[in-house]
N, C-alpha and C. Protein backbone atom coordinates (compact mmCIF):
# COMPACT_ATOMS: atom_id res chain seq x y z
N MET A 1 -0.93 86.54 -132.72
CA MET A 1 -0.75 87.97 -132.80
C MET A 1 0.68 88.31 -132.38
N ALA A 2 1.32 89.15 -133.12
CA ALA A 2 2.71 89.51 -132.84
C ALA A 2 2.80 90.39 -131.60
N VAL A 3 3.90 90.27 -130.90
CA VAL A 3 4.15 91.10 -129.73
C VAL A 3 4.41 92.53 -130.19
N PRO A 4 3.67 93.51 -129.67
CA PRO A 4 3.91 94.89 -130.08
C PRO A 4 5.25 95.39 -129.55
N LEU A 5 6.08 95.84 -130.45
CA LEU A 5 7.39 96.35 -130.09
C LEU A 5 7.64 97.69 -130.76
N PRO A 6 8.36 98.59 -130.11
CA PRO A 6 8.66 99.88 -130.72
C PRO A 6 9.32 99.71 -132.08
N GLY A 7 8.92 100.58 -133.00
CA GLY A 7 9.50 100.55 -134.34
C GLY A 7 8.76 99.67 -135.32
N GLN A 8 7.79 98.91 -134.83
CA GLN A 8 6.98 98.07 -135.69
C GLN A 8 5.56 98.61 -135.70
N GLN A 9 4.84 98.34 -136.77
CA GLN A 9 3.45 98.75 -136.83
C GLN A 9 2.68 98.02 -135.72
N VAL A 10 1.89 98.78 -134.96
CA VAL A 10 1.10 98.23 -133.87
C VAL A 10 -0.32 98.77 -133.98
N ARG A 11 -1.19 98.21 -133.18
CA ARG A 11 -2.57 98.68 -133.16
C ARG A 11 -2.58 100.17 -132.82
N GLY A 12 -3.14 100.98 -133.67
CA GLY A 12 -3.23 102.41 -133.42
C GLY A 12 -2.07 103.23 -133.95
N SER A 13 -1.07 102.59 -134.55
CA SER A 13 0.09 103.34 -135.04
C SER A 13 0.79 102.60 -136.16
N ARG A 14 0.91 103.23 -137.28
CA ARG A 14 1.65 102.61 -138.38
C ARG A 14 3.15 102.72 -138.17
N THR A 15 3.57 103.72 -137.39
CA THR A 15 5.00 103.95 -137.21
C THR A 15 5.58 103.15 -136.05
N GLY A 16 4.73 102.67 -135.16
CA GLY A 16 5.23 101.91 -134.01
C GLY A 16 5.95 102.78 -133.00
N ARG A 17 5.44 103.99 -132.81
CA ARG A 17 6.03 104.84 -131.77
C ARG A 17 6.05 104.06 -130.46
N PRO A 18 7.08 104.23 -129.65
CA PRO A 18 7.19 103.44 -128.42
C PRO A 18 5.95 103.51 -127.52
N ILE A 19 5.36 104.69 -127.35
CA ILE A 19 4.19 104.79 -126.48
C ILE A 19 3.03 103.99 -127.06
N MET A 20 2.87 103.98 -128.38
CA MET A 20 1.78 103.22 -128.99
C MET A 20 2.03 101.72 -128.86
N ALA A 21 3.27 101.30 -128.99
CA ALA A 21 3.58 99.88 -128.80
C ALA A 21 3.29 99.45 -127.37
N LEU A 22 3.66 100.30 -126.41
CA LEU A 22 3.40 99.99 -125.01
C LEU A 22 1.90 99.92 -124.73
N LEU A 23 1.15 100.89 -125.24
CA LEU A 23 -0.29 100.88 -125.01
C LEU A 23 -0.94 99.65 -125.65
N ASP A 24 -0.45 99.24 -126.80
CA ASP A 24 -0.97 98.02 -127.43
C ASP A 24 -0.68 96.81 -126.54
N LEU A 25 0.54 96.70 -126.05
CA LEU A 25 0.91 95.58 -125.18
C LEU A 25 0.07 95.57 -123.91
N LEU A 26 -0.02 96.71 -123.24
CA LEU A 26 -0.74 96.78 -121.97
C LEU A 26 -2.25 96.70 -122.15
N GLY A 27 -2.73 96.98 -123.34
CA GLY A 27 -4.16 96.92 -123.62
C GLY A 27 -4.66 95.52 -123.89
N ARG A 28 -3.78 94.57 -123.95
CA ARG A 28 -4.21 93.19 -124.18
C ARG A 28 -4.82 92.62 -122.91
N ARG A 29 -5.84 91.84 -123.10
CA ARG A 29 -6.57 91.29 -121.96
C ARG A 29 -5.63 90.60 -120.97
N TRP A 30 -5.75 90.95 -119.72
CA TRP A 30 -5.02 90.38 -118.59
C TRP A 30 -3.59 90.89 -118.43
N ALA A 31 -3.04 91.60 -119.38
CA ALA A 31 -1.63 92.01 -119.29
C ALA A 31 -1.37 92.85 -118.03
N LEU A 32 -2.18 93.87 -117.81
CA LEU A 32 -1.97 94.72 -116.63
C LEU A 32 -2.19 93.95 -115.34
N ARG A 33 -3.15 93.07 -115.34
CA ARG A 33 -3.42 92.27 -114.13
C ARG A 33 -2.22 91.40 -113.79
N ILE A 34 -1.62 90.79 -114.79
CA ILE A 34 -0.43 89.95 -114.57
C ILE A 34 0.68 90.79 -113.98
N LEU A 35 0.94 91.95 -114.56
CA LEU A 35 1.99 92.83 -114.02
C LEU A 35 1.68 93.23 -112.58
N TRP A 36 0.42 93.55 -112.32
CA TRP A 36 0.03 93.95 -110.98
C TRP A 36 0.27 92.82 -109.97
N GLU A 37 -0.09 91.62 -110.34
CA GLU A 37 0.08 90.48 -109.42
C GLU A 37 1.55 90.16 -109.16
N LEU A 38 2.41 90.50 -110.11
CA LEU A 38 3.85 90.23 -109.94
C LEU A 38 4.58 91.39 -109.27
N ARG A 39 3.86 92.42 -108.89
CA ARG A 39 4.49 93.64 -108.37
C ARG A 39 5.32 93.41 -107.11
N ALA A 40 4.91 92.47 -106.27
CA ALA A 40 5.57 92.33 -104.97
C ALA A 40 6.32 91.02 -104.79
N GLN A 41 6.07 90.05 -105.67
CA GLN A 41 6.69 88.75 -105.45
C GLN A 41 6.72 87.91 -106.72
N THR A 42 7.59 86.93 -106.70
CA THR A 42 7.67 85.94 -107.76
C THR A 42 6.54 84.93 -107.55
N LEU A 43 5.87 84.57 -108.63
CA LEU A 43 4.77 83.61 -108.55
C LEU A 43 4.96 82.52 -109.60
N ASN A 44 4.64 81.29 -109.23
CA ASN A 44 4.67 80.24 -110.24
C ASN A 44 3.39 80.32 -111.08
N PHE A 45 3.33 79.53 -112.11
CA PHE A 45 2.21 79.60 -113.06
C PHE A 45 0.87 79.41 -112.34
N ARG A 46 0.78 78.40 -111.50
CA ARG A 46 -0.48 78.10 -110.81
C ARG A 46 -0.89 79.24 -109.89
N GLU A 47 0.05 79.78 -109.13
CA GLU A 47 -0.27 80.89 -108.23
C GLU A 47 -0.74 82.11 -109.01
N LEU A 48 -0.05 82.39 -110.09
CA LEU A 48 -0.42 83.54 -110.91
C LEU A 48 -1.81 83.35 -111.51
N ARG A 49 -2.08 82.16 -111.98
CA ARG A 49 -3.40 81.87 -112.56
C ARG A 49 -4.49 82.03 -111.51
N GLU A 50 -4.27 81.55 -110.30
CA GLU A 50 -5.26 81.69 -109.22
C GLU A 50 -5.51 83.15 -108.88
N ARG A 51 -4.45 83.95 -108.84
CA ARG A 51 -4.60 85.38 -108.51
C ARG A 51 -5.30 86.15 -109.63
N CYS A 52 -5.26 85.60 -110.82
CA CYS A 52 -5.91 86.24 -111.97
C CYS A 52 -7.27 85.58 -112.24
N ASP A 53 -7.96 85.25 -111.17
CA ASP A 53 -9.32 84.70 -111.26
C ASP A 53 -9.41 83.47 -112.15
N SER A 54 -8.40 82.62 -112.07
CA SER A 54 -8.38 81.35 -112.82
C SER A 54 -8.60 81.55 -114.32
N MET A 55 -7.88 82.51 -114.88
CA MET A 55 -7.97 82.73 -116.32
C MET A 55 -7.54 81.47 -117.06
N SER A 56 -7.88 81.40 -118.30
CA SER A 56 -7.53 80.26 -119.13
C SER A 56 -6.01 80.08 -119.17
N PRO A 57 -5.52 78.85 -119.02
CA PRO A 57 -4.07 78.62 -119.08
C PRO A 57 -3.47 79.05 -120.42
N SER A 58 -4.21 78.87 -121.49
CA SER A 58 -3.67 79.27 -122.80
C SER A 58 -3.53 80.79 -122.90
N VAL A 59 -4.47 81.53 -122.35
CA VAL A 59 -4.36 82.99 -122.36
C VAL A 59 -3.20 83.43 -121.47
N LEU A 60 -3.08 82.83 -120.29
CA LEU A 60 -1.97 83.18 -119.41
C LEU A 60 -0.63 82.88 -120.07
N ASN A 61 -0.52 81.74 -120.71
CA ASN A 61 0.72 81.41 -121.43
C ASN A 61 1.02 82.44 -122.51
N ALA A 62 0.00 82.83 -123.26
CA ALA A 62 0.20 83.80 -124.35
C ALA A 62 0.66 85.15 -123.79
N ARG A 63 -0.03 85.63 -122.73
CA ARG A 63 0.35 86.93 -122.15
C ARG A 63 1.74 86.88 -121.56
N LEU A 64 2.06 85.80 -120.85
CA LEU A 64 3.41 85.70 -120.28
C LEU A 64 4.47 85.69 -121.37
N ALA A 65 4.22 85.00 -122.46
CA ALA A 65 5.18 84.98 -123.57
C ALA A 65 5.37 86.38 -124.13
N GLU A 66 4.27 87.12 -124.29
CA GLU A 66 4.37 88.49 -124.82
C GLU A 66 5.13 89.40 -123.86
N LEU A 67 4.80 89.31 -122.58
CA LEU A 67 5.46 90.16 -121.59
C LEU A 67 6.93 89.80 -121.44
N ARG A 68 7.25 88.54 -121.60
CA ARG A 68 8.66 88.13 -121.56
C ARG A 68 9.40 88.66 -122.78
N GLU A 69 8.79 88.53 -123.95
CA GLU A 69 9.45 89.03 -125.16
C GLU A 69 9.63 90.54 -125.11
N ALA A 70 8.70 91.22 -124.47
CA ALA A 70 8.79 92.68 -124.32
C ALA A 70 9.81 93.08 -123.26
N GLY A 71 10.29 92.10 -122.48
CA GLY A 71 11.34 92.38 -121.50
C GLY A 71 10.87 92.91 -120.17
N VAL A 72 9.57 92.74 -119.84
CA VAL A 72 9.08 93.26 -118.57
C VAL A 72 8.81 92.15 -117.55
N VAL A 73 8.77 90.91 -118.01
CA VAL A 73 8.61 89.74 -117.13
C VAL A 73 9.68 88.74 -117.51
N GLU A 74 10.15 88.00 -116.51
CA GLU A 74 11.12 86.94 -116.77
C GLU A 74 10.73 85.70 -115.99
N LEU A 75 11.21 84.56 -116.48
CA LEU A 75 11.00 83.30 -115.79
C LEU A 75 12.25 82.97 -115.01
N ALA A 76 12.11 82.92 -113.70
CA ALA A 76 13.21 82.57 -112.81
C ALA A 76 13.03 81.12 -112.37
N VAL A 77 13.96 80.63 -111.60
CA VAL A 77 13.89 79.25 -111.10
C VAL A 77 12.61 79.02 -110.31
N ASP A 78 12.19 80.01 -109.52
CA ASP A 78 11.03 79.84 -108.65
C ASP A 78 9.73 80.40 -109.21
N GLY A 79 9.73 80.88 -110.45
CA GLY A 79 8.50 81.36 -111.06
C GLY A 79 8.71 82.61 -111.90
N TYR A 80 7.63 83.31 -112.13
CA TYR A 80 7.66 84.53 -112.94
C TYR A 80 7.83 85.74 -112.04
N ARG A 81 8.59 86.72 -112.55
CA ARG A 81 8.79 87.96 -111.80
C ARG A 81 9.02 89.10 -112.79
N LEU A 82 8.89 90.30 -112.27
CA LEU A 82 9.15 91.48 -113.09
C LEU A 82 10.65 91.64 -113.28
N THR A 83 11.03 92.14 -114.43
CA THR A 83 12.42 92.52 -114.67
C THR A 83 12.61 93.93 -114.13
N GLY A 84 13.81 94.46 -114.22
CA GLY A 84 14.04 95.84 -113.84
C GLY A 84 13.16 96.78 -114.65
N ASP A 85 13.01 96.50 -115.93
CA ASP A 85 12.13 97.32 -116.77
C ASP A 85 10.68 97.19 -116.33
N GLY A 86 10.28 95.99 -115.92
CA GLY A 86 8.92 95.78 -115.43
C GLY A 86 8.66 96.57 -114.16
N ASP A 87 9.65 96.57 -113.25
CA ASP A 87 9.53 97.39 -112.03
C ASP A 87 9.40 98.87 -112.38
N GLY A 88 10.21 99.31 -113.33
CA GLY A 88 10.15 100.71 -113.76
C GLY A 88 8.81 101.06 -114.37
N LEU A 89 8.25 100.13 -115.12
CA LEU A 89 6.94 100.36 -115.72
C LEU A 89 5.88 100.54 -114.63
N LEU A 90 5.89 99.67 -113.64
CA LEU A 90 4.90 99.82 -112.56
C LEU A 90 5.13 101.10 -111.76
N GLU A 91 6.39 101.50 -111.60
CA GLU A 91 6.67 102.78 -110.93
C GLU A 91 6.05 103.94 -111.69
N ALA A 92 6.06 103.83 -113.01
CA ALA A 92 5.48 104.89 -113.84
C ALA A 92 3.97 105.00 -113.61
N PHE A 93 3.35 103.96 -113.11
CA PHE A 93 1.92 103.98 -112.84
C PHE A 93 1.58 104.58 -111.48
N THR A 94 2.56 104.93 -110.67
CA THR A 94 2.31 105.50 -109.35
C THR A 94 1.42 106.74 -109.42
N PRO A 95 1.69 107.70 -110.29
CA PRO A 95 0.78 108.86 -110.36
C PRO A 95 -0.62 108.46 -110.84
N VAL A 96 -0.72 107.49 -111.71
CA VAL A 96 -2.03 107.05 -112.19
C VAL A 96 -2.80 106.39 -111.04
N SER A 97 -2.10 105.61 -110.24
CA SER A 97 -2.73 104.98 -109.08
C SER A 97 -3.23 106.02 -108.09
N ALA A 98 -2.43 107.04 -107.84
CA ALA A 98 -2.85 108.11 -106.94
C ALA A 98 -4.08 108.82 -107.49
N TRP A 99 -4.09 109.10 -108.78
CA TRP A 99 -5.24 109.73 -109.42
C TRP A 99 -6.47 108.85 -109.27
N ALA A 100 -6.33 107.54 -109.48
CA ALA A 100 -7.46 106.60 -109.39
C ALA A 100 -8.05 106.59 -107.98
N LYS A 101 -7.19 106.67 -106.96
CA LYS A 101 -7.69 106.70 -105.58
C LYS A 101 -8.50 107.96 -105.33
N ARG A 102 -7.99 109.11 -105.79
CA ARG A 102 -8.73 110.37 -105.63
C ARG A 102 -10.06 110.30 -106.38
N TRP A 103 -10.03 109.77 -107.55
CA TRP A 103 -11.23 109.62 -108.38
C TRP A 103 -12.24 108.72 -107.68
N GLY A 104 -11.77 107.60 -107.13
CA GLY A 104 -12.66 106.68 -106.42
C GLY A 104 -13.34 107.35 -105.25
N ARG A 105 -12.58 108.13 -104.47
CA ARG A 105 -13.18 108.85 -103.35
C ARG A 105 -14.20 109.88 -103.83
N ARG A 106 -13.84 110.61 -104.89
CA ARG A 106 -14.75 111.62 -105.44
C ARG A 106 -16.04 110.98 -105.94
N MET A 107 -15.92 109.86 -106.60
CA MET A 107 -17.11 109.18 -107.13
C MET A 107 -17.96 108.63 -105.99
N ALA A 108 -17.34 108.13 -104.94
CA ALA A 108 -18.09 107.62 -103.80
C ALA A 108 -18.86 108.75 -103.14
N ARG A 109 -18.22 109.92 -102.99
CA ARG A 109 -18.90 111.07 -102.39
C ARG A 109 -20.06 111.52 -103.26
N SER A 110 -19.88 111.54 -104.58
CA SER A 110 -20.96 112.01 -105.46
C SER A 110 -22.12 111.02 -105.46
N ARG A 111 -21.86 109.73 -105.27
CA ARG A 111 -22.96 108.75 -105.21
C ARG A 111 -23.73 108.90 -103.89
N MET A 112 -23.01 109.23 -102.81
CA MET A 112 -23.68 109.39 -101.52
C MET A 112 -24.55 110.64 -101.50
N SER A 113 -24.13 111.68 -102.22
CA SER A 113 -24.90 112.92 -102.21
C SER A 113 -26.02 112.94 -103.25
N ALA A 114 -26.05 111.92 -104.08
CA ALA A 114 -27.10 111.89 -105.13
C ALA A 114 -28.40 111.33 -104.60
């Protein structure tokens, strides 16, 4: 499967609008988890695989290749890490993370009162 890039046809968009290309990339299995695990430190392949619940090595290789081609992950001497664009992408999720925490608390309260 081709790496979704802006300007190319992607899942959900014939025009390849940048947001649609990004959603296609991030919607691939394990992509967000990989980015999340790399948020604070560089990890080698084995460490990253362990943190991702021992996902298949072939799937991890495929996702890392896609994320590298998209410019959000890079391979350094000591392992994989986010690029500046990857850091910026995770920063963009800060409001979503805050919303998810509020939602989690709200759902917990509604389950307790049910």
